[in-house]
C-alpha atoms as a PDB file:
ATOM      1  CA  UNK A   1      11.329 -14.833 -33.986  1.00  0.00           C
ATOM      2  CA  UNK A   2       9.850 -15.143 -30.513  1.00  0.00           C
ATOM      3  CA  UNK A   3      12.209 -15.621 -27.606  1.00  0.00           C
ATOM      4  CA  UNK A   4      12.065 -18.462 -25.114  1.00  0.00           C
ATOM      5  CA  UNK A   5       9.281 -17.438 -22.651  1.00  0.00           C
ATOM      6  CA  UNK A   6      11.448 -18.504 -19.705  1.00  0.00           C
ATOM      7  CA  UNK A   7      14.098 -16.027 -20.883  1.00  0.00           C
ATOM      8  CA  UNK A   8      11.497 -13.308 -21.341  1.00  0.00           C
ATOM      9  CA  UNK A   9      10.429 -13.703 -17.715  1.00  0.00           C
ATOM     10  CA  UNK A  10      13.994 -14.183 -16.473  1.00  0.00           C
ATOM     11  CA  UNK A  11      13.305 -17.526 -14.788  1.00  0.00           C
ATOM     12  CA  UNK A  12      14.793 -20.988 -15.078  1.00  0.00           C
ATOM     13  CA  UNK A  13      12.944 -23.763 -16.899  1.00  0.00           C
ATOM     14  CA  UNK A  14      12.673 -25.460 -13.498  1.00  0.00           C
ATOM     15  CA  UNK A  15      10.987 -22.433 -11.889  1.00  0.00           C
ATOM     16  CA  UNK A  16       7.877 -23.071  -9.818  1.00  0.00           C
ATOM     17  CA  UNK A  17       4.493 -21.677 -10.796  1.00  0.00           C
ATOM     18  CA  UNK A  18       4.749 -19.172  -7.948  1.00  0.00           C
ATOM     19  CA  UNK A  19       8.188 -17.990  -9.127  1.00  0.00           C
ATOM     20  CA  UNK A  20       6.835 -17.522 -12.649  1.00  0.00           C
ATOM     21  CA  UNK A  21       3.849 -15.585 -11.378  1.00  0.00           C
ATOM     22  CA  UNK A  22       6.042 -13.291  -9.242  1.00  0.00           C
ATOM     23  CA  UNK A  23       8.408 -12.649 -12.157  1.00  0.00           C
ATOM     24  CA  UNK A  24       5.477 -11.719 -14.400  1.00  0.00           C
ATOM     25  CA  UNK A  25       3.983  -9.382 -11.791  1.00  0.00           C
ATOM     26  CA  UNK A  26       7.287  -7.544 -11.430  1.00  0.00           C
ATOM     27  CA  UNK A  27       7.937  -7.145 -15.166  1.00  0.00           C
ATOM     28  CA  UNK A  28       4.324  -6.301 -16.011  1.00  0.00           C
ATOM     29  CA  UNK A  29       4.283  -3.567 -13.409  1.00  0.00           C
ATOM     30  CA  UNK A  30       7.587  -2.132 -14.625  1.00  0.00           C
ATOM     31  CA  UNK A  31       6.539  -2.075 -18.280  1.00  0.00           C
ATOM     32  CA  UNK A  32       2.809  -1.455 -18.138  1.00  0.00           C
ATOM     33  CA  UNK A  33       1.780   1.377 -20.520  1.00  0.00           C
ATOM     34  CA  UNK A  34       0.050   3.201 -17.667  1.00  0.00           C
ATOM     35  CA  UNK A  35       3.432   3.442 -15.938  1.00  0.00           C
ATOM     36  CA  UNK A  36       5.240   4.391 -19.152  1.00  0.00           C
ATOM     37  CA  UNK A  37       2.937   6.595 -21.248  1.00  0.00           C
ATOM     38  CA  UNK A  38       4.178   6.971 -24.819  1.00  0.00           C
ATOM     39  CA  UNK A  39       7.086   4.546 -24.351  1.00  0.00           C
ATOM     40  CA  UNK A  40       6.766   2.123 -27.271  1.00  0.00           C
ATOM     41  CA  UNK A  41       9.704  -0.001 -26.085  1.00  0.00           C
ATOM     42  CA  UNK A  42       8.053  -0.558 -22.701  1.00  0.00           C
ATOM     43  CA  UNK A  43       4.765  -1.327 -24.433  1.00  0.00           C
ATOM     44  CA  UNK A  44       6.439  -3.941 -26.618  1.00  0.00           C
ATOM     45  CA  UNK A  45       8.211  -5.423 -23.614  1.00  0.00           C
ATOM     46  CA  UNK A  46       4.897  -5.598 -21.777  1.00  0.00           C
ATOM     47  CA  UNK A  47       3.365  -7.526 -24.679  1.00  0.00           C
ATOM     48  CA  UNK A  48       6.255  -9.961 -24.676  1.00  0.00           C
ATOM     49  CA  UNK A  49       6.191 -10.742 -20.960  1.00  0.00           C
ATOM     50  CA  UNK A  50       2.392 -11.091 -21.153  1.00  0.00           C
ATOM     51  CA  UNK A  51       2.776 -13.539 -24.008  1.00  0.00           C
ATOM     52  CA  UNK A  52       5.462 -15.422 -22.121  1.00  0.00           C
ATOM     53  CA  UNK A  53       3.225 -15.735 -19.088  1.00  0.00           C
ATOM     54  CA  UNK A  54       0.425 -16.916 -21.373  1.00  0.00           C
ATOM     55  CA  UNK A  55       2.577 -19.909 -22.225  1.00  0.00           C
ATOM     56  CA  UNK A  56       4.450 -20.870 -19.044  1.00  0.00           C
ATOM     57  CA  UNK A  57       1.876 -19.487 -16.627  1.00  0.00           C
ATOM     58  CA  UNK A  58      -0.602 -22.106 -17.816  1.00  0.00           C
ATOM     59  CA  UNK A  59       0.360 -25.624 -16.652  1.00  0.00           C
ATOM     60  CA  UNK A  60      -1.042 -27.318 -19.767  1.00  0.00           C
ATOM     61  CA  UNK A  61       0.566 -24.911 -22.234  1.00  0.00           C
ATOM     62  CA  UNK A  62       3.815 -25.061 -20.302  1.00  0.00           C
ATOM     63  CA  UNK A  63       3.832 -28.846 -20.534  1.00  0.00           C
ATOM     64  CA  UNK A  64       3.205 -28.711 -24.297  1.00  0.00           C
ATOM     65  CA  UNK A  65       5.876 -26.051 -24.810  1.00  0.00           C
ATOM     66  CA  UNK A  66       8.467 -28.028 -22.857  1.00  0.00           C
ATOM     67  CA  UNK A  67       7.592 -31.056 -24.981  1.00  0.00           C
ATOM     68  CA  UNK A  68       7.997 -29.059 -28.211  1.00  0.00           C
ATOM     69  CA  UNK A  69       4.331 -29.469 -29.146  1.00  0.00           C
ATOM     70  CA  UNK A  70       3.672 -25.702 -29.294  1.00  0.00           C
ATOM     71  CA  UNK A  71       5.936 -22.751 -30.037  1.00  0.00           C
ATOM     72  CA  UNK A  72       6.471 -19.611 -28.007  1.00  0.00           C
ATOM     73  CA  UNK A  73       3.365 -18.091 -29.614  1.00  0.00           C
ATOM     74  CA  UNK A  74       1.212 -21.008 -28.471  1.00  0.00           C
ATOM     75  CA  UNK A  75       0.823 -22.505 -31.958  1.00  0.00           C
ATOM     76  CA  UNK A  76       1.268 -26.176 -32.695  1.00  0.00           C
ATOM     77  CA  UNK A  77       4.696 -26.966 -34.091  1.00  0.00           C
ATOM     78  CA  UNK A  78       3.747 -30.378 -35.526  1.00  0.00           C
ATOM     79  CA  UNK A  79       7.065 -31.491 -34.124  1.00  0.00           C
ATOM     80  CA  UNK A  80       7.805 -33.969 -31.388  1.00  0.00           C
ATOM     81  CA  UNK A  81      11.144 -34.383 -29.802  1.00  0.00           C
ATOM     82  CA  UNK A  82      10.821 -32.132 -26.748  1.00  0.00           C
ATOM     83  CA  UNK A  83      12.301 -28.757 -26.002  1.00  0.00           C
ATOM     84  CA  UNK A  84      14.488 -27.318 -28.712  1.00  0.00           C
ATOM     85  CA  UNK A  85      13.097 -29.513 -31.467  1.00  0.00           C
ATOM     86  CA  UNK A  86      13.084 -26.571 -33.873  1.00  0.00           C
ATOM     87  CA  UNK A  87      13.016 -22.774 -33.980  1.00  0.00           C
ATOM     88  CA  UNK A  88      10.022 -21.230 -32.220  1.00  0.00           C
ATOM     89  CA  UNK A  89       7.605 -19.625 -34.581  1.00  0.00           C
ATOM     90  CA  UNK A  90       9.146 -21.354 -37.643  1.00  0.00           C
ATOM     91  CA  UNK A  91       6.690 -21.391 -40.493  1.00  0.00           C
ATOM     92  CA  UNK A  92       4.418 -18.939 -38.724  1.00  0.00           C
ATOM     93  CA  UNK A  93       4.541 -15.332 -39.888  1.00  0.00           C
ATOM     94  CA  UNK A  94       4.704 -12.563 -37.373  1.00  0.00           C
ATOM     95  CA  UNK A  95       7.240 -13.833 -34.845  1.00  0.00           C
ATOM     96  CA  UNK A  96       6.997 -12.194 -31.373  1.00  0.00           C
ATOM     97  CA  UNK A  97       4.840 -13.038 -28.413  1.00  0.00           C
ATOM     98  CA  UNK A  98       1.195 -12.282 -28.552  1.00  0.00           C
ATOM     99  CA  UNK A  99       0.871 -12.057 -32.341  1.00  0.00           C
ATOM    100  CA  UNK A 100      -1.638 -14.871 -32.448  1.00  0.00           C
ATOM    101  CA  UNK A 101      -3.639 -13.411 -29.575  1.00  0.00           C
ATOM    102  CA  UNK A 102      -4.145  -9.915 -30.850  1.00  0.00           C
ATOM    103  CA  UNK A 103      -6.947  -8.468 -32.896  1.00  0.00           C
ATOM    104  CA  UNK A 104     -10.060  -6.521 -32.212  1.00  0.00           C
ATOM    105  CA  UNK A 105      -8.335  -4.307 -29.678  1.00  0.00           C
ATOM    106  CA  UNK A 106      -5.301  -6.208 -28.353  1.00  0.00           C
ATOM    107  CA  UNK A 107      -4.749  -9.099 -25.989  1.00  0.00           C
ATOM    108  CA  UNK A 108      -7.684 -10.940 -24.629  1.00  0.00           C
ATOM    109  CA  UNK A 109      -7.692 -11.950 -20.999  1.00  0.00           C
ATOM    110  CA  UNK A 110      -6.583 -15.548 -20.518  1.00  0.00           C
ATOM    111  CA  UNK A 111      -7.486 -17.687 -17.518  1.00  0.00           C
ATOM    112  CA  UNK A 112      -5.009 -20.381 -16.478  1.00  0.00           C
ATOM    113  CA  UNK A 113      -5.782 -22.955 -13.817  1.00  0.00           C
ATOM    114  CA  UNK A 114      -7.459 -20.413 -11.566  1.00  0.00           C
ATOM    115  CA  UNK A 115      -5.061 -17.624 -12.616  1.00  0.00           C
ATOM    116  CA  UNK A 116      -6.806 -14.735 -14.357  1.00  0.00           C
ATOM    117  CA  UNK A 117      -4.280 -12.569 -16.195  1.00  0.00           C
ATOM    118  CA  UNK A 118      -6.768  -9.712 -16.239  1.00  0.00           C
ATOM    119  CA  UNK A 119      -7.262 -10.063 -12.512  1.00  0.00           C
ATOM    120  CA  UNK A 120      -3.498  -9.969 -11.884  1.00  0.00           C
ATOM    121  CA  UNK A 121      -3.235  -6.754 -13.866  1.00  0.00           C
ATOM    122  CA  UNK A 122      -6.346  -5.449 -12.138  1.00  0.00           C
ATOM    123  CA  UNK A 123      -4.821  -6.014  -8.707  1.00  0.00           C
ATOM    124  CA  UNK A 124      -1.692  -4.078  -9.685  1.00  0.00           C
ATOM    125  CA  UNK A 125      -3.324  -1.237 -11.578  1.00  0.00           C
ATOM    126  CA  UNK A 126      -6.657  -0.685  -9.868  1.00  0.00           C
ATOM    127  CA  UNK A 127      -8.944  -3.048 -11.781  1.00  0.00           C
ATOM    128  CA  UNK A 128     -10.919  -2.135 -14.869  1.00  0.00           C
ATOM    129  CA  UNK A 129     -10.010   1.032 -16.696  1.00  0.00           C
ATOM    130  CA  UNK A 130     -13.138   1.871 -18.544  1.00  0.00           C
ATOM    131  CA  UNK A 131     -13.364   4.280 -21.407  1.00  0.00           C
ATOM    132  CA  UNK A 132      -9.751   3.984 -22.604  1.00  0.00           C
ATOM    133  CA  UNK A 133      -8.685   2.863 -26.057  1.00  0.00           C
ATOM    134  CA  UNK A 134      -7.240  -0.542 -26.820  1.00  0.00           C
ATOM    135  CA  UNK A 135      -9.829  -3.157 -25.959  1.00  0.00           C
ATOM    136  CA  UNK A 136     -13.417  -4.194 -25.712  1.00  0.00           C
ATOM    137  CA  UNK A 137     -13.654  -3.135 -22.104  1.00  0.00           C
ATOM    138  CA  UNK A 138     -11.271  -0.209 -22.151  1.00  0.00           C
ATOM    139  CA  UNK A 139      -7.752  -0.213 -20.738  1.00  0.00           C
ATOM    140  CA  UNK A 140      -4.531  -1.310 -22.475  1.00  0.00           C
ATOM    141  CA  UNK A 141      -4.830  -4.265 -24.747  1.00  0.00           C
ATOM    142  CA  UNK A 142      -8.301  -5.266 -23.617  1.00  0.00           C
ATOM    143  CA  UNK A 143      -7.255  -6.242 -20.106  1.00  0.00           C
ATOM    144  CA  UNK A 144     -10.271  -4.332 -18.811  1.00  0.00           C
ATOM    145  CA  UNK A 145     -12.829  -6.847 -19.960  1.00  0.00           C
ATOM    146  CA  UNK A 146     -13.940  -6.932 -16.345  1.00  0.00           C
ATOM    147  CA  UNK A 147     -17.197  -5.113 -15.886  1.00  0.00           C
ATOM    148  CA  UNK A 148     -17.185  -1.446 -14.984  1.00  0.00           C
ATOM    149  CA  UNK A 149     -16.789  -0.438 -11.366  1.00  0.00           C
ATOM    150  CA  UNK A 150     -19.855   1.053  -9.704  1.00  0.00           C
ATOM    151  CA  UNK A 151     -19.702   4.016  -7.345  1.00  0.00           C
ATOM    152  CA  UNK A 152     -22.293   5.156  -4.853  1.00  0.00           C
ATOM    153  CA  UNK A 153     -22.595   7.416  -1.808  1.00  0.00           C
ATOM    154  CA  UNK A 154     -24.122   6.218   1.440  1.00  0.00           C
ATOM    155  CA  UNK A 155     -25.106   8.657   4.175  1.00  0.00           C
ATOM    156  CA  UNK A 156     -25.102   7.208   7.667  1.00  0.00           C
ATOM    157  CA  UNK A 157     -25.842   8.504  11.155  1.00  0.00           C
ATOM    158  CA  UNK A 158     -22.968   9.425  13.461  1.00  0.00           C
ATOM    159  CA  UNK A 159     -24.046   6.737  15.910  1.00  0.00           C
ATOM    160  CA  UNK A 160     -23.970   4.113  13.124  1.00  0.00           C
ATOM    161  CA  UNK A 161     -20.459   5.280  12.215  1.00  0.00           C
ATOM    162  CA  UNK A 162     -19.367   4.666  15.804  1.00  0.00           C
ATOM    163  CA  UNK A 163     -21.129   1.351  16.334  1.00  0.00           C
ATOM    164  CA  UNK A 164     -20.917  -0.097  12.806  1.00  0.00           C
ATOM    165  CA  UNK A 165     -23.605  -2.374  11.449  1.00  0.00           C
ATOM    166  CA  UNK A 166     -25.588  -3.131   8.285  1.00  0.00           C
ATOM    167  CA  UNK A 167     -26.984  -0.588   5.855  1.00  0.00           C
ATOM    168  CA  UNK A 168     -28.936  -1.293   2.666  1.00  0.00           C
ATOM    169  CA  UNK A 169     -28.066   0.612  -0.498  1.00  0.00           C
ATOM    170  CA  UNK A 170     -29.828   0.657  -3.880  1.00  0.00           C
ATOM    171  CA  UNK A 171     -27.939   0.957  -7.178  1.00  0.00           C
ATOM    172  CA  UNK A 172     -29.196   2.627 -10.336  1.00  0.00           C
ATOM    173  CA  UNK A 173     -29.635  -0.758 -12.032  1.00  0.00           C
ATOM    174  CA  UNK A 174     -32.259  -1.743  -9.440  1.00  0.00           C
ATOM    175  CA  UNK A 175     -30.037  -3.985  -7.301  1.00  0.00           C
ATOM    176  CA  UNK A 176     -29.999  -3.589  -3.543  1.00  0.00           C
ATOM    177  CA  UNK A 177     -27.264  -4.972  -1.307  1.00  0.00           C
ATOM    178  CA  UNK A 178     -26.478  -4.869   2.398  1.00  0.00           C
ATOM    179  CA  UNK A 179     -23.281  -2.995   3.211  1.00  0.00           C
ATOM    180  CA  UNK A 180     -21.363  -3.756   6.399  1.00  0.00           C
ATOM    181  CA  UNK A 181     -20.326  -0.484   8.015  1.00  0.00           C
ATOM    182  CA  UNK A 182     -17.136  -1.018  10.053  1.00  0.00           C
ATOM    183  CA  UNK A 183     -16.888   0.355  13.562  1.00  0.00           C
ATOM    184  CA  UNK A 184     -15.282   3.769  13.528  1.00  0.00           C
ATOM    185  CA  UNK A 185     -16.255   4.546   9.917  1.00  0.00           C
ATOM    186  CA  UNK A 186     -14.985   7.958   8.857  1.00  0.00           C
ATOM    187  CA  UNK A 187     -16.616  10.638   6.754  1.00  0.00           C
ATOM    188  CA  UNK A 188     -15.250  10.287   3.203  1.00  0.00           C
ATOM    189  CA  UNK A 189     -14.076   6.699   3.737  1.00  0.00           C
ATOM    190  CA  UNK A 190     -14.577   4.409   0.732  1.00  0.00           C
ATOM    191  CA  UNK A 191     -15.608   0.779   1.094  1.00  0.00           C
ATOM    192  CA  UNK A 192     -14.788  -1.690  -1.707  1.00  0.00           C
ATOM    193  CA  UNK A 193     -17.275  -4.468  -2.416  1.00  0.00           C
ATOM    194  CA  UNK A 194     -15.485  -6.913  -4.687  1.00  0.00           C
ATOM    195  CA  UNK A 195     -17.531  -8.327  -7.555  1.00  0.00           C
ATOM    196  CA  UNK A 196     -20.551  -6.084  -6.927  1.00  0.00           C
ATOM    197  CA  UNK A 197     -20.015  -3.859  -9.973  1.00  0.00           C
ATOM    198  CA  UNK A 198     -21.301  -4.276 -13.522  1.00  0.00           C
ATOM    199  CA  UNK A 199     -21.024  -7.597 -15.311  1.00  0.00           C
ATOM    200  CA  UNK A 200     -18.229  -8.166 -17.836  1.00  0.00           C
ATOM    201  CA  UNK A 201     -16.732 -10.899 -19.997  1.00  0.00           C
ATOM    202  CA  UNK A 202     -13.984 -11.606 -17.483  1.00  0.00           C
ATOM    203  CA  UNK A 203     -16.185 -11.135 -14.427  1.00  0.00           C
ATOM    204  CA  UNK A 204     -17.928  -8.255 -12.695  1.00  0.00           C
ATOM    205  CA  UNK A 205     -16.268  -5.065 -11.568  1.00  0.00           C
ATOM    206  CA  UNK A 206     -16.285  -3.803  -8.000  1.00  0.00           C
ATOM    207  CA  UNK A 207     -18.564  -1.436  -6.141  1.00  0.00           C
ATOM    208  CA  UNK A 208     -17.027   1.502  -4.271  1.00  0.00           C
ATOM    209  CA  UNK A 209     -19.205   3.019  -1.554  1.00  0.00           C
ATOM    210  CA  UNK A 210     -18.257   6.435  -0.204  1.00  0.00           C
ATOM    211  CA  UNK A 211     -19.371   6.962   3.382  1.00  0.00           C
ATOM    212  CA  UNK A 212     -20.872  10.309   4.347  1.00  0.00           C
ATOM    213  CA  UNK A 213     -21.483  10.812   8.080  1.00  0.00           C
ATOM    214  CA  UNK A 214     -24.488  13.081   8.539  1.00  0.00           C
ATOM    215  CA  UNK A 215     -24.427  15.864  11.184  1.00  0.00           C
ATOM    216  CA  UNK A 216     -26.013  14.748  14.436  1.00  0.00           C
ATOM    217  CA  UNK A 217     -28.707  16.674  16.306  1.00  0.00           C
ATOM    218  CA  UNK A 218     -26.943  16.271  19.657  1.00  0.00           C
ATOM    219  CA  UNK A 219     -23.291  15.325  19.180  1.00  0.00           C
ATOM    220  CA  UNK A 220     -20.578  17.362  17.445  1.00  0.00           C
ATOM    221  CA  UNK A 221     -17.164  16.078  16.403  1.00  0.00           C
ATOM    222  CA  UNK A 222     -13.940  17.526  17.788  1.00  0.00           C
ATOM    223  CA  UNK A 223     -10.988  15.467  16.525  1.00  0.00           C
ATOM    224  CA  UNK A 224     -11.429  12.004  18.092  1.00  0.00           C
ATOM    225  CA  UNK A 225     -13.912  13.284  20.651  1.00  0.00           C
ATOM    226  CA  UNK A 226     -17.560  14.274  20.767  1.00  0.00           C
ATOM    227  CA  UNK A 227     -19.062  17.384  22.344  1.00  0.00           C
ATOM    228  CA  UNK A 228     -22.668  18.045  23.288  1.00  0.00           C
ATOM    229  CA  UNK A 229     -24.663  20.703  25.108  1.00  0.00           C
ATOM    230  CA  UNK A 230     -26.304  19.351  28.266  1.00  0.00           C
ATOM    231  CA  UNK A 231     -29.170  21.479  29.651  1.00  0.00           C
ATOM    232  CA  UNK A 232     -29.444  21.497  33.452  1.00  0.00           C
ATOM    233  CA  UNK A 233     -31.789  23.282  35.872  1.00  0.00           C
ATOM    234  CA  UNK A 234     -30.826  26.230  38.022  1.00  0.00           C
ATOM    235  CA  UNK A 235     -31.268  23.991  41.052  1.00  0.00           C
ATOM    236  CA  UNK A 236     -28.791  21.380  39.717  1.00  0.00           C
ATOM    237  CA  UNK A 237     -26.337  24.164  38.933  1.00  0.00           C
ATOM    238  CA  UNK A 238     -26.583  25.621  42.455  1.00  0.00           C
ATOM    239  CA  UNK A 239     -27.007  22.463  44.518  1.00  0.00           C
ATOM    240  CA  UNK A 240     -25.332  19.858  42.299  1.00  0.00           C
ATOM    241  CA  UNK A 241     -26.806  16.416  41.742  1.00  0.00           C
ATOM    242  CA  UNK A 242     -27.272  13.558  39.283  1.00  0.00           C
ATOM    243  CA  UNK A 243     -28.629  14.306  35.804  1.00  0.00           C
ATOM    244  CA  UNK A 244     -29.299  12.097  32.807  1.00  0.00           C
ATOM    245  CA  UNK A 245     -27.070  12.602  29.761  1.00  0.00           C
ATOM    246  CA  UNK A 246     -27.416  11.040  26.293  1.00  0.00           C
ATOM    247  CA  UNK A 247     -24.464   9.132  24.776  1.00  0.00           C
ATOM    248  CA  UNK A 248     -24.060   7.131  21.540  1.00  0.00           C
ATOM    249  CA  UNK A 249     -24.412   4.010  23.700  1.00  0.00           C
ATOM    250  CA  UNK A 250     -27.575   5.142  25.473  1.00  0.00           C
ATOM    251  CA  UNK A 251     -28.372   7.491  28.383  1.00  0.00           C
ATOM    252  CA  UNK A 252     -26.205   7.536  31.505  1.00  0.00           C
ATOM    253  CA  UNK A 253     -26.305   9.371  34.850  1.00  0.00           C
ATOM    254  CA  UNK A 254     -23.561  11.916  35.535  1.00  0.00           C
ATOM    255  CA  UNK A 255     -22.787  14.089  38.558  1.00  0.00           C
ATOM    256  CA  UNK A 256     -23.040  17.872  38.273  1.00  0.00           C
ATOM    257  CA  UNK A 257     -20.817  19.647  40.831  1.00  0.00           C
ATOM    258  CA  UNK A 258     -22.319  22.339  43.093  1.00  0.00           C
ATOM    259  CA  UNK A 259     -22.032  25.857  41.724  1.00  0.00           C
ATOM    260  CA  UNK A 260     -21.687  24.786  38.074  1.00  0.00           C
ATOM    261  CA  UNK A 261     -21.955  27.476  35.421  1.00  0.00           C
ATOM    262  CA  UNK A 262     -22.953  27.411  31.774  1.00  0.00           C
ATOM    263  CA  UNK A 263     -19.923  26.392  29.707  1.00  0.00           C
ATOM    264  CA  UNK A 264     -18.451  24.016  32.272  1.00  0.00           C
ATOM    265  CA  UNK A 265     -17.432  20.689  30.685  1.00  0.00           C
ATOM    266  CA  UNK A 266     -17.904  17.247  32.150  1.00  0.00           C
ATOM    267  CA  UNK A 267     -15.936  14.355  30.649  1.00  0.00           C
ATOM    268  CA  UNK A 268     -17.518  11.003  29.866  1.00  0.00           C
ATOM    269  CA  UNK A 269     -14.539   8.761  29.207  1.00  0.00           C
ATOM    270  CA  UNK A 270     -14.709   6.323  26.287  1.00  0.00           C
ATOM    271  CA  UNK A 271     -18.078   7.563  25.024  1.00  0.00           C
ATOM    272  CA  UNK A 272     -16.789   9.464  21.984  1.00  0.00           C
ATOM    273  CA  UNK A 273     -15.781   8.440  18.461  1.00  0.00           C
ATOM    274  CA  UNK A 274     -14.218   5.068  17.745  1.00  0.00           C
ATOM    275  CA  UNK A 275     -11.480   4.351  15.208  1.00  0.00           C
ATOM    276  CA  UNK A 276     -10.970   1.271  13.035  1.00  0.00           C
ATOM    277  CA  UNK A 277      -9.078  -0.455  15.873  1.00  0.00           C
ATOM    278  CA  UNK A 278     -11.971   0.035  18.269  1.00  0.00           C
ATOM    279  CA  UNK A 279     -10.321   2.776  20.342  1.00  0.00           C
ATOM    280  CA  UNK A 280     -12.914   5.214  21.705  1.00  0.00           C
ATOM    281  CA  UNK A 281     -12.395   8.892  22.338  1.00  0.00           C
ATOM    282  CA  UNK A 282     -14.278  10.806  25.011  1.00  0.00           C
ATOM    283  CA  UNK A 283     -17.591  12.648  25.131  1.00  0.00           C
ATOM    284  CA  UNK A 284     -17.625  16.121  26.698  1.00  0.00           C
ATOM    285  CA  UNK A 285     -20.883  17.486  28.057  1.00  0.00           C
ATOM    286  CA  UNK A 286     -20.997  21.299  28.026  1.00  0.00           C
ATOM    287  CA  UNK A 287     -23.394  22.439  30.751  1.00  0.00           C
ATOM    288  CA  UNK A 288     -26.099  24.933  29.839  1.00  0.00           C
ATOM    289  CA  UNK A 289     -28.079  26.341  32.792  1.00  0.00           C
ATOM    290  CA  UNK A 290     -31.746  26.705  31.835  1.00  0.00           C
ATOM    291  CA  UNK A 291     -34.368  28.761  33.722  1.00  0.00           C
ATOM    292  CA  UNK A 292     -37.980  27.550  33.983  1.00  0.00           C
ATOM    293  CA  UNK A 293     -40.021  28.191  30.855  1.00  0.00           C
ATOM    294  CA  UNK A 294     -42.693  30.867  31.223  1.00  0.00           C
ATOM    295  CA  UNK A 295     -41.084  32.438  34.285  1.00  0.00           C
ATOM    296  CA  UNK A 296     -41.528  31.675  38.010  1.00  0.00           C
ATOM    297  CA  UNK A 297     -42.857  34.330  40.406  1.00  0.00           C
ATOM    298  CA  UNK A 298     -41.301  32.745  43.493  1.00  0.00           C
ATOM    299  CA  UNK A 299     -37.925  32.433  41.779  1.00  0.00           C
ATOM    300  CA  UNK A 300     -38.126  36.055  40.655  1.00  0.00           C
ATOM    301  CA  UNK A 301     -38.923  37.218  44.190  1.00  0.00           C
ATOM    302  CA  UNK A 302     -35.999  35.235  45.573  1.00  0.00           C
ATOM    303  CA  UNK A 303     -33.735  36.701  42.889  1.00  0.00           C
ATOM    304  CA  UNK A 304     -34.815  40.241  43.804  1.00  0.00           C
ATOM    305  CA  UNK A 305     -34.024  39.597  47.457  1.00  0.00           C
ATOM    306  CA  UNK A 306     -30.669  37.986  46.664  1.00  0.00           C
ATOM    307  CA  UNK A 307     -29.754  40.811  44.325  1.00  0.00           C
ATOM    308  CA  UNK A 308     -30.370  43.371  47.055  1.00  0.00           C
ATOM    309  CA  UNK A 309     -28.611  41.472  49.821  1.00  0.00           C
ATOM    310  CA  UNK A 310     -25.805  39.647  47.959  1.00  0.00           C
ATOM    311  CA  UNK A 311     -24.977  41.374  44.670  1.00  0.00           C
ATOM    312  CA  UNK A 312     -22.070  40.035  42.575  1.00  0.00           C
ATOM    313  CA  UNK A 313     -20.404  40.588  39.192  1.00  0.00           C
ATOM    314  CA  UNK A 314     -19.709  37.546  37.011  1.00  0.00           C
ATOM    315  CA  UNK A 315     -16.105  37.136  35.866  1.00  0.00           C
ATOM    316  CA  UNK A 316     -15.170  36.502  32.265  1.00  0.00           C
ATOM    317  CA  UNK A 317     -13.585  33.104  31.695  1.00  0.00           C
END
């Protein structure tokens, strides 16, 4: 014989809809077969609390049950007289919760007044579990009648990862959608697009987009910062001066100190990587002194004279 659904959920008959929903979430999570593999007692308990929520989680069914018009299995009692008018399940073989809802692979997903039992279970246990025994859509008892989740990989430029923006992606079924890349997107980060997966009886699954940040031709990552090589002339290295430097936000002018050598680093504050909160790291420009291409006779003559008059040995740094 089925128990009183209020007792199964551990709530009073005067409990609010929110209290009933919270009680079901807690018990379903504790007893879900995925949490208790091979535990038949937990599986049976899960069926019972699911059946109880089927009755008192639906305002119409709850009203009928309280009035004695249906039993704890959701079947008409043909009795009036309100709550307690007769034993639940009397005259109906099978007893326990959920007996009338099983078949063809277990419980079907019920939808009550905007409450989708499958969606509740999906929120707690990661959505549809495709390819597992027990239901039309996979997963325990058929709760995975949501469509299958779709996975895809999207390669973006380092600058797009910093700035964020829109990217279009095409799925294997021919659909194309625009994906919003958040500022500070990280390599390997996964974006969830709810309802963009495959269609299913209880609604579509989700799409999961893995972000891959492609190597950049100029900028290299170092923790939260960026590093780049910045070519400068011999004249800028000796005399100092303003040179143009690229950044993810566009070119800027920076000052090269007199007597700069290859390997010296100049810091461009706040021009590096950004995180999800919008905090920006720094960009470091590593100076690379470049001689004129093809040689320069006058420069060579000057170097010969300087070498004879003012020789020096470079120090290792």
